[in-house]
């Protein structure tokens, strides 16, 4: 049997960047010399090469056809993917392509054998991962220490960047903050613990407890709703009332590749009570209207602020395509279609804020109550993408004024904390040491490292004196 051999290269792209490249050898086992080529229709056929490692059929589908396990099982059960042994005739191959009942039954656990033929839909390809795994240790020394915005004997607050997950999970790789927590011990025997979580897309204040007693205290106080007050800043599409409250029960619902989303539902149907207080700080008439909101999600449900903006205020957040489309669908179903959902407004927003802006939701402030009953206000600066949007909308003056007010109210400064000074000095010394290893023989760098060691010893003596004073007190 002669086969017409075709070569096909499948290249997955994200924008213009290659993220994966795999070569498949596609064959047409229905080819018969002297006859017109038989069209496989919507299918393609791959022959397992000799010496290929053993692989399950569902794993092969997830690698070359689709990325979702449930979709791979549906393809197998619907006989859209099937295996033909190498001893089958040309007529049997043609019959399996034309008539589904002639296709051999397969399972996801079926092992691929060398020289087997695999038929699959040729229009399908696996979607790229949302986030590529990163190699641990690629961050600069002291990277997380530089993001500390508050610290005392019990709690630490950091400015969480966008794109970083709080804890490890699927598609996270090395981009999770839990891996870097040992750098925030500052002399204690255990790394700090997360008091709460922020989703991957969110930025801003993230609170951690430095020891077990502080974590237990925070948990009890949060349960009693007497520990903190939070303020989220978000830019919404549309004009919102000056102030108000959204009280809308929410329920989790799975939505394709987007995972769990929050949708409004009655409490009788399983919806959980959710309440969000909001205040409109600024408004711009650009692109059908853009409003700067300060929100306090009182209940803390999944995606509460995003869902309440989209469904409660009919003003989805900028950079939130999931809830933007959901809000559009709800507006169409209820005959409540507003101007800022139009295509013209969307086109103008792309010109002002970019084609694919990041989520404009930021954990701006957090007020906590310490063990001593003191109230501490913690403020995180705006991320770069929101600062750029503020500048495009003419709100830079408001941002600078609020930053000055927050700095005047701050109870802590990194320049005055001996632990932060020591950690940053160690980070600089480690960076210079690494650079000296790549370029040996530099006397100036060697002299600077000696000065750094002397500075570290001086700071350590300050830390020891402060610790002894606290113990005596």
Foldseek 3Di string as FASTA:
>chain_A
DDKDKDWDKDFADDPNDTDDTDTFTWIQQLDDPPDDRDDLPQKIKTAAAPPDDKDFPLVVCCQFFEVDSVVSQVCLVVQQKAKDDQPDHSVLVVCVSVPVVSGDRDGRRDIDDHGIMIMHGPVGGYHDQPAAADDPPPDFACPFLVQWQDDDPWKTKGWFDAQAFQDDDPSRHNRHCVVVQVLVLLPPPDGWAWLDTDGRLETEITMTTNDDVSSVVSVVCVVVVNWKWWKKKFKWQADFDQWDKFWFFWDWDQDPPVGTDIEGDDVVVPTDTWMKIKGWDDKFPFLNIITIIIITTSPDDDCRVQRCCCQVRVIGTPLDVVSLVVSVVVCVVVVNDDDNNDPSSLVRCCVQLNDRAGTGMYGAWMWGQDPVRDIFITGDQDDPSVCSSCVSRVNNVVSVVVVVVVVVRHPDDLVPDLSSVLSVLVSVLVVLVVVCVVPPDDVVSVVVNVVSVVVNVVSVVVVVVVVVVVVVD
